[in-house]
C-alpha cells in the first residue's frame, strides 16, 4: 500500500514542485488549496502525512492543525 501525503498550500509553484518530488518517490499525493479544503481532504483520504502551509485562505495551517488534533477520529 502506498503512503498518502496531503499538500495543503495556496502557492501553485510550491505545490507543483513538492507534488512532483513526492510522486517520484512513490507516494500517493493529494492537494488542497485552502484550509477548508485541507480539512475535507484529511477527513476523506486519511493521509499518512499532511504538509500544511501556515498562511492559507479560509483557515490557516495552525487552525487546520488544531481542528485535526481536536477530532478524535483524526488525532492519531
PDB file of N, CA and C in Angstrom:
ATOM      1  N   UNK A   1       0.835  -1.182   0.000  1.00  0.00           N
ATOM      2  CA  UNK A   1       0.000   0.000   0.000  1.00  0.00           C
ATOM      3  C   UNK A   1       0.881   1.247   0.000  1.00  0.00           C
ATOM      4  N   UNK A   2       0.596   2.174  -0.902  1.00  0.00           N
ATOM      5  CA  UNK A   2       1.329   3.437  -0.959  1.00  0.00           C
ATOM      6  C   UNK A   2       0.963   4.321   0.215  1.00  0.00           C
ATOM      7  N   UNK A   3       1.938   5.025   0.723  1.00  0.00           N
ATOM      8  CA  UNK A   3       1.684   6.032   1.746  1.00  0.00           C
ATOM      9  C   UNK A   3       1.055   7.243   1.064  1.00  0.00           C
ATOM     10  N   UNK A   4       0.123   7.882   1.773  1.00  0.00           N
ATOM     11  CA  UNK A   4      -0.600   9.032   1.217  1.00  0.00           C
ATOM     12  C   UNK A   4      -0.128  10.319   1.881  1.00  0.00           C
ATOM     13  N   UNK A   5       0.079  11.339   1.051  1.00  0.00           N
ATOM     14  CA  UNK A   5       0.512  12.645   1.529  1.00  0.00           C
ATOM     15  C   UNK A   5      -0.467  13.697   1.020  1.00  0.00           C
ATOM     16  N   UNK A   6      -0.842  14.610   1.910  1.00  0.00           N
ATOM     17  CA  UNK A   6      -1.653  15.763   1.523  1.00  0.00           C
ATOM     18  C   UNK A   6      -0.778  16.996   1.581  1.00  0.00           C
ATOM     19  N   UNK A   7      -0.739  17.745   0.480  1.00  0.00           N
ATOM     20  CA  UNK A   7      -0.038  19.021   0.424  1.00  0.00           C
ATOM     21  C   UNK A   7      -1.098  20.108   0.462  1.00  0.00           C
ATOM     22  N   UNK A   8      -1.091  20.896   1.514  1.00  0.00           N
ATOM     23  CA  UNK A   8      -2.063  21.981   1.669  1.00  0.00           C
ATOM     24  C   UNK A   8      -1.323  23.311   1.557  1.00  0.00           C
ATOM     25  N   UNK A   9      -1.452  23.941   0.407  1.00  0.00           N
ATOM     26  CA  UNK A   9      -0.745  25.187   0.143  1.00  0.00           C
ATOM     27  C   UNK A   9      -1.471  25.925  -0.976  1.00  0.00           C
ATOM     28  N   UNK A  10      -1.517  27.243  -0.882  1.00  0.00           N
ATOM     29  CA  UNK A  10      -2.183  28.038  -1.917  1.00  0.00           C
ATOM     30  C   UNK A  10      -1.204  28.561  -2.960  1.00  0.00           C
ATOM     31  N   UNK A  11       0.059  28.256  -2.817  1.00  0.00           N
ATOM     32  CA  UNK A  11       1.080  28.707  -3.765  1.00  0.00           C
ATOM     33  C   UNK A  11       1.353  27.593  -4.776  1.00  0.00           C
ATOM     34  N   UNK A  12       0.830  27.751  -5.995  1.00  0.00           N
ATOM     35  CA  UNK A  12       0.881  26.696  -7.009  1.00  0.00           C
ATOM     36  C   UNK A  12       2.286  26.217  -7.330  1.00  0.00           C
ATOM     37  N   UNK A  13       3.262  27.119  -7.389  1.00  0.00           N
ATOM     38  CA  UNK A  13       4.628  26.709  -7.725  1.00  0.00           C
ATOM     39  C   UNK A  13       5.196  25.759  -6.678  1.00  0.00           C
ATOM     40  N   UNK A  14       4.906  26.009  -5.434  1.00  0.00           N
ATOM     41  CA  UNK A  14       5.370  25.119  -4.360  1.00  0.00           C
ATOM     42  C   UNK A  14       4.664  23.774  -4.460  1.00  0.00           C
ATOM     43  N   UNK A  15       3.364  23.802  -4.659  1.00  0.00           N
ATOM     44  CA  UNK A  15       2.589  22.562  -4.762  1.00  0.00           C
ATOM     45  C   UNK A  15       3.103  21.702  -5.910  1.00  0.00           C
ATOM     46  N   UNK A  16       3.308  22.299  -7.062  1.00  0.00           N
ATOM     47  CA  UNK A  16       3.774  21.545  -8.230  1.00  0.00           C
ATOM     48  C   UNK A  16       5.123  20.887  -7.939  1.00  0.00           C
ATOM     49  N   UNK A  17       6.040  21.626  -7.344  1.00  0.00           N
ATOM     50  CA  UNK A  17       7.376  21.098  -7.059  1.00  0.00           C
ATOM     51  C   UNK A  17       7.337  19.960  -6.043  1.00  0.00           C
ATOM     52  N   UNK A  18       6.659  20.182  -4.925  1.00  0.00           N
ATOM     53  CA  UNK A  18       6.605  19.163  -3.875  1.00  0.00           C
ATOM     54  C   UNK A  18       5.827  17.942  -4.360  1.00  0.00           C
ATOM     55  N   UNK A  19       4.731  18.172  -5.066  1.00  0.00           N
ATOM     56  CA  UNK A  19       3.941  17.056  -5.595  1.00  0.00           C
ATOM     57  C   UNK A  19       4.787  16.195  -6.537  1.00  0.00           C
ATOM     58  N   UNK A  20       5.536  16.819  -7.423  1.00  0.00           N
ATOM     59  CA  UNK A  20       6.396  16.081  -8.339  1.00  0.00           C
ATOM     60  C   UNK A  20       7.404  15.221  -7.585  1.00  0.00           C
ATOM     61  N   UNK A  21       8.060  15.824  -6.593  1.00  0.00           N
ATOM     62  CA  UNK A  21       9.070  15.090  -5.828  1.00  0.00           C
ATOM     63  C   UNK A  21       8.471  13.923  -5.050  1.00  0.00           C
ATOM     64  N   UNK A  22       7.314  14.120  -4.452  1.00  0.00           N
ATOM     65  CA  UNK A  22       6.683  13.054  -3.665  1.00  0.00           C
ATOM     66  C   UNK A  22       6.188  11.917  -4.560  1.00  0.00           C
ATOM     67  N   UNK A  23       5.603  12.263  -5.692  1.00  0.00           N
ATOM     68  CA  UNK A  23       5.136  11.223  -6.622  1.00  0.00           C
ATOM     69  C   UNK A  23       6.315  10.423  -7.169  1.00  0.00           C
ATOM     70  N   UNK A  24       7.411  11.111  -7.435  1.00  0.00           N
ATOM     71  CA  UNK A  24       8.602  10.439  -7.951  1.00  0.00           C
ATOM     72  C   UNK A  24       9.129   9.402  -6.962  1.00  0.00           C
ATOM     73  N   UNK A  25       8.920   9.644  -5.674  1.00  0.00           N
ATOM     74  CA  UNK A  25       9.353   8.712  -4.634  1.00  0.00           C
ATOM     75  C   UNK A  25       8.316   7.614  -4.364  1.00  0.00           C
ATOM     76  N   UNK A  26       7.184   7.664  -5.074  1.00  0.00           N
ATOM     77  CA  UNK A  26       6.205   6.594  -4.971  1.00  0.00           C
ATOM     78  C   UNK A  26       5.019   6.861  -4.068  1.00  0.00           C
ATOM     79  N   UNK A  27       4.905   8.078  -3.548  1.00  0.00           N
ATOM     80  CA  UNK A  27       3.789   8.406  -2.671  1.00  0.00           C
ATOM     81  C   UNK A  27       2.538   8.765  -3.482  1.00  0.00           C
ATOM     82  N   UNK A  28       1.383   8.494  -2.905  1.00  0.00           N
ATOM     83  CA  UNK A  28       0.125   8.981  -3.454  1.00  0.00           C
ATOM     84  C   UNK A  28      -0.082  10.378  -2.885  1.00  0.00           C
ATOM     85  N   UNK A  29      -0.310  11.355  -3.747  1.00  0.00           N
ATOM     86  CA  UNK A  29      -0.359  12.753  -3.319  1.00  0.00           C
ATOM     87  C   UNK A  29      -1.733  13.352  -3.585  1.00  0.00           C
ATOM     88  N   UNK A  30      -2.245  14.050  -2.573  1.00  0.00           N
ATOM     89  CA  UNK A  30      -3.471  14.824  -2.691  1.00  0.00           C
ATOM     90  C   UNK A  30      -3.113  16.287  -2.447  1.00  0.00           C
ATOM     91  N   UNK A  31      -3.895  17.196  -3.004  1.00  0.00           N
ATOM     92  CA  UNK A  31      -3.599  18.620  -2.896  1.00  0.00           C
ATOM     93  C   UNK A  31      -4.834  19.365  -2.415  1.00  0.00           C
ATOM     94  N   UNK A  32      -4.607  20.365  -1.556  1.00  0.00           N
ATOM     95  CA  UNK A  32      -5.669  21.266  -1.109  1.00  0.00           C
ATOM     96  C   UNK A  32      -5.143  22.693  -1.214  1.00  0.00           C
ATOM     97  N   UNK A  33      -5.989  23.611  -1.691  1.00  0.00           N
ATOM     98  CA  UNK A  33      -5.570  24.987  -1.910  1.00  0.00           C
ATOM     99  C   UNK A  33      -5.916  25.952  -0.796  1.00  0.00           C
ATOM    100  N   UNK A  34      -6.693  25.493   0.197  1.00  0.00           N
ATOM    101  CA  UNK A  34      -7.029  26.346   1.339  1.00  0.00           C
ATOM    102  C   UNK A  34      -7.320  25.469   2.551  1.00  0.00           C
ATOM    103  N   UNK A  35      -7.513  26.112   3.697  1.00  0.00           N
ATOM    104  CA  UNK A  35      -7.701  25.366   4.935  1.00  0.00           C
ATOM    105  C   UNK A  35      -8.951  24.514   4.978  1.00  0.00           C
ATOM    106  N   UNK A  36     -10.052  25.037   4.457  1.00  0.00           N
ATOM    107  CA  UNK A  36     -11.287  24.253   4.450  1.00  0.00           C
ATOM    108  C   UNK A  36     -11.156  23.011   3.581  1.00  0.00           C
ATOM    109  N   UNK A  37     -10.550  23.183   2.420  1.00  0.00           N
ATOM    110  CA  UNK A  37     -10.345  22.039   1.523  1.00  0.00           C
ATOM    111  C   UNK A  37      -9.387  21.030   2.162  1.00  0.00           C
ATOM    112  N   UNK A  38      -8.382  21.524   2.876  1.00  0.00           N
ATOM    113  CA  UNK A  38      -7.440  20.631   3.555  1.00  0.00           C
ATOM    114  C   UNK A  38      -8.160  19.753   4.569  1.00  0.00           C
ATOM    115  N   UNK A  39      -9.028  20.363   5.377  1.00  0.00           N
ATOM    116  CA  UNK A  39      -9.783  19.574   6.362  1.00  0.00           C
ATOM    117  C   UNK A  39     -10.663  18.531   5.687  1.00  0.00           C
ATOM    118  N   UNK A  40     -11.318  18.909   4.619  1.00  0.00           N
ATOM    119  CA  UNK A  40     -12.177  17.965   3.891  1.00  0.00           C
ATOM    120  C   UNK A  40     -11.356  16.807   3.331  1.00  0.00           C
ATOM    121  N   UNK A  41     -10.175  17.110   2.777  1.00  0.00           N
ATOM    122  CA  UNK A  41      -9.333  16.047   2.208  1.00  0.00           C
ATOM    123  C   UNK A  41      -8.756  15.152   3.301  1.00  0.00           C
ATOM    124  N   UNK A  42      -8.429  15.737   4.456  1.00  0.00           N
ATOM    125  CA  UNK A  42      -7.927  14.934   5.575  1.00  0.00           C
ATOM    126  C   UNK A  42      -8.996  13.952   6.028  1.00  0.00           C
ATOM    127  N   UNK A  43     -10.221  14.420   6.150  1.00  0.00           N
ATOM    128  CA  UNK A  43     -11.322  13.538   6.579  1.00  0.00           C
ATOM    129  C   UNK A  43     -11.622  12.461   5.532  1.00  0.00           C
ATOM    130  N   UNK A  44     -11.556  12.822   4.267  1.00  0.00           N
ATOM    131  CA  UNK A  44     -11.904  11.879   3.199  1.00  0.00           C
ATOM    132  C   UNK A  44     -10.791  10.882   2.906  1.00  0.00           C
ATOM    133  N   UNK A  45      -9.557  11.333   2.870  1.00  0.00           N
ATOM    134  CA  UNK A  45      -8.442  10.499   2.401  1.00  0.00           C
ATOM    135  C   UNK A  45      -7.616   9.868   3.522  1.00  0.00           C
ATOM    136  N   UNK A  46      -7.695  10.421   4.740  1.00  0.00           N
ATOM    137  CA  UNK A  46      -6.904   9.921   5.874  1.00  0.00           C
ATOM    138  C   UNK A  46      -5.419   9.759   5.489  1.00  0.00           C
ATOM    139  N   UNK A  47      -4.767  10.868   5.102  1.00  0.00           N
ATOM    140  CA  UNK A  47      -3.369  10.761   4.671  1.00  0.00           C
ATOM    141  C   UNK A  47      -2.445  10.375   5.826  1.00  0.00           C
ATOM    142  N   UNK A  48      -1.306   9.793   5.468  1.00  0.00           N
ATOM    143  CA  UNK A  48      -0.293   9.427   6.449  1.00  0.00           C
ATOM    144  C   UNK A  48       0.513  10.644   6.909  1.00  0.00           C
ATOM    145  N   UNK A  49       0.584  11.650   6.044  1.00  0.00           N
ATOM    146  CA  UNK A  49       1.335  12.866   6.336  1.00  0.00           C
ATOM    147  C   UNK A  49       0.614  14.048   5.710  1.00  0.00           C
ATOM    148  N   UNK A  50       0.567  15.158   6.442  1.00  0.00           N
ATOM    149  CA  UNK A  50      -0.026  16.397   5.919  1.00  0.00           C
ATOM    150  C   UNK A  50       1.032  17.484   5.981  1.00  0.00           C
ATOM    151  N   UNK A  51       1.313  18.101   4.843  1.00  0.00           N
ATOM    152  CA  UNK A  51       2.215  19.246   4.777  1.00  0.00           C
ATOM    153  C   UNK A  51       1.347  20.492   4.700  1.00  0.00           C
ATOM    154  N   UNK A  52       1.361  21.294   5.764  1.00  0.00           N
ATOM    155  CA  UNK A  52       0.473  22.455   5.867  1.00  0.00           C
ATOM    156  C   UNK A  52       1.236  23.758   5.718  1.00  0.00           C
ATOM    157  N   UNK A  53       0.758  24.601   4.831  1.00  0.00           N
ATOM    158  CA  UNK A  53       1.238  25.974   4.746  1.00  0.00           C
ATOM    159  C   UNK A  53       0.621  26.736   5.917  1.00  0.00           C
ATOM    160  N   UNK A  54       1.357  27.645   6.507  1.00  0.00           N
ATOM    161  CA  UNK A  54       0.823  28.413   7.628  1.00  0.00           C
ATOM    162  C   UNK A  54      -0.184  29.452   7.142  1.00  0.00           C
ATOM    163  N   UNK A  55       0.148  30.162   6.080  1.00  0.00           N
ATOM    164  CA  UNK A  55      -0.732  31.228   5.596  1.00  0.00           C
ATOM    165  C   UNK A  55      -1.497  30.756   4.358  1.00  0.00           C
ATOM    166  N   UNK A  56      -2.759  30.367   4.585  1.00  0.00           N
ATOM    167  CA  UNK A  56      -3.646  29.932   3.505  1.00  0.00           C
ATOM    168  C   UNK A  56      -4.971  30.658   3.647  1.00  0.00           C
ATOM    169  N   UNK A  57      -5.731  30.726   2.564  1.00  0.00           N
ATOM    170  CA  UNK A  57      -7.065  31.325   2.650  1.00  0.00           C
ATOM    171  C   UNK A  57      -8.018  30.461   3.478  1.00  0.00           C
ATOM    172  N   UNK A  58      -9.061  31.074   3.953  1.00  0.00           N
ATOM    173  CA  UNK A  58     -10.162  30.465   4.707  1.00  0.00           C
ATOM    174  C   UNK A  58      -9.739  30.041   6.106  1.00  0.00           C
ATOM    175  N   UNK A  59      -8.828  29.094   6.240  1.00  0.00           N
ATOM    176  CA  UNK A  59      -8.270  28.693   7.531  1.00  0.00           C
ATOM    177  C   UNK A  59      -6.776  28.561   7.353  1.00  0.00           C
ATOM    178  N   UNK A  60      -6.027  29.081   8.316  1.00  0.00           N
ATOM    179  CA  UNK A  60      -4.577  28.945   8.186  1.00  0.00           C
ATOM    180  C   UNK A  60      -4.137  27.552   8.678  1.00  0.00           C
ATOM    181  N   UNK A  61      -2.870  27.252   8.481  1.00  0.00           N
ATOM    182  CA  UNK A  61      -2.353  25.940   8.846  1.00  0.00           C
ATOM    183  C   UNK A  61      -2.468  25.623  10.325  1.00  0.00           C
ATOM    184  N   UNK A  62      -2.322  26.650  11.177  1.00  0.00           N
ATOM    185  CA  UNK A  62      -2.463  26.428  12.618  1.00  0.00           C
ATOM    186  C   UNK A  62      -3.893  26.012  12.972  1.00  0.00           C
ATOM    187  N   UNK A  63      -4.877  26.680  12.358  1.00  0.00           N
ATOM    188  CA  UNK A  63      -6.280  26.333  12.611  1.00  0.00           C
ATOM    189  C   UNK A  63      -6.593  24.903  12.160  1.00  0.00           C
ATOM    190  N   UNK A  64      -6.091  24.536  10.996  1.00  0.00           N
ATOM    191  CA  UNK A  64      -6.312  23.183  10.483  1.00  0.00           C
ATOM    192  C   UNK A  64      -5.697  22.167  11.438  1.00  0.00           C
ATOM    193  N   UNK A  65      -4.485  22.424  11.876  1.00  0.00           N
ATOM    194  CA  UNK A  65      -3.802  21.513  12.804  1.00  0.00           C
ATOM    195  C   UNK A  65      -4.584  21.365  14.110  1.00  0.00           C
ATOM    196  N   UNK A  66      -5.071  22.461  14.648  1.00  0.00           N
ATOM    197  CA  UNK A  66      -5.846  22.407  15.887  1.00  0.00           C
ATOM    198  C   UNK A  66      -7.131  21.607  15.705  1.00  0.00           C
ATOM    199  N   UNK A  67      -7.801  21.777  14.575  1.00  0.00           N
ATOM    200  CA  UNK A  67      -9.046  21.031  14.333  1.00  0.00           C
ATOM    201  C   UNK A  67      -8.770  19.538  14.186  1.00  0.00           C
ATOM    202  N   UNK A  68      -7.679  19.192  13.530  1.00  0.00           N
ATOM    203  CA  UNK A  68      -7.310  17.779  13.381  1.00  0.00           C
ATOM    204  C   UNK A  68      -7.013  17.172  14.749  1.00  0.00           C
ATOM    205  N   UNK A  69      -6.256  17.867  15.560  1.00  0.00           N
ATOM    206  CA  UNK A  69      -5.911  17.358  16.889  1.00  0.00           C
ATOM    207  C   UNK A  69      -7.128  17.252  17.804  1.00  0.00           C
ATOM    208  N   UNK A  70      -8.112  18.120  17.609  1.00  0.00           N
ATOM    209  CA  UNK A  70      -9.309  18.110  18.458  1.00  0.00           C
ATOM    210  C   UNK A  70     -10.309  17.036  18.053  1.00  0.00           C
ATOM    211  N   UNK A  71     -10.161  16.487  16.850  1.00  0.00           N
ATOM    212  CA  UNK A  71     -11.092  15.473  16.348  1.00  0.00           C
ATOM    213  C   UNK A  71     -10.543  14.080  16.684  1.00  0.00           C
ATOM    214  N   UNK A  72     -11.203  13.337  17.577  1.00  0.00           N
ATOM    215  CA  UNK A  72     -10.694  12.013  17.967  1.00  0.00           C
ATOM    216  C   UNK A  72     -10.526  11.044  16.800  1.00  0.00           C
ATOM    217  N   UNK A  73     -11.305  11.205  15.758  1.00  0.00           N
ATOM    218  CA  UNK A  73     -11.186  10.313  14.602  1.00  0.00           C
ATOM    219  C   UNK A  73      -9.933  10.605  13.781  1.00  0.00           C
ATOM    220  N   UNK A  74      -9.363  11.795  13.941  1.00  0.00           N
ATOM    221  CA  UNK A  74      -8.204  12.193  13.137  1.00  0.00           C
ATOM    222  C   UNK A  74      -6.929  12.381  13.948  1.00  0.00           C
ATOM    223  N   UNK A  75      -7.062  12.539  15.236  1.00  0.00           N
ATOM    224  CA  UNK A  75      -5.925  12.926  16.070  1.00  0.00           C
ATOM    225  C   UNK A  75      -4.748  11.965  15.985  1.00  0.00           C
ATOM    226  N   UNK A  76      -4.993  10.707  15.725  1.00  0.00           N
ATOM    227  CA  UNK A  76      -3.908   9.724  15.651  1.00  0.00           C
ATOM    228  C   UNK A  76      -3.108   9.864  14.400  1.00  0.00           C
TER     229      UNK A  76
END
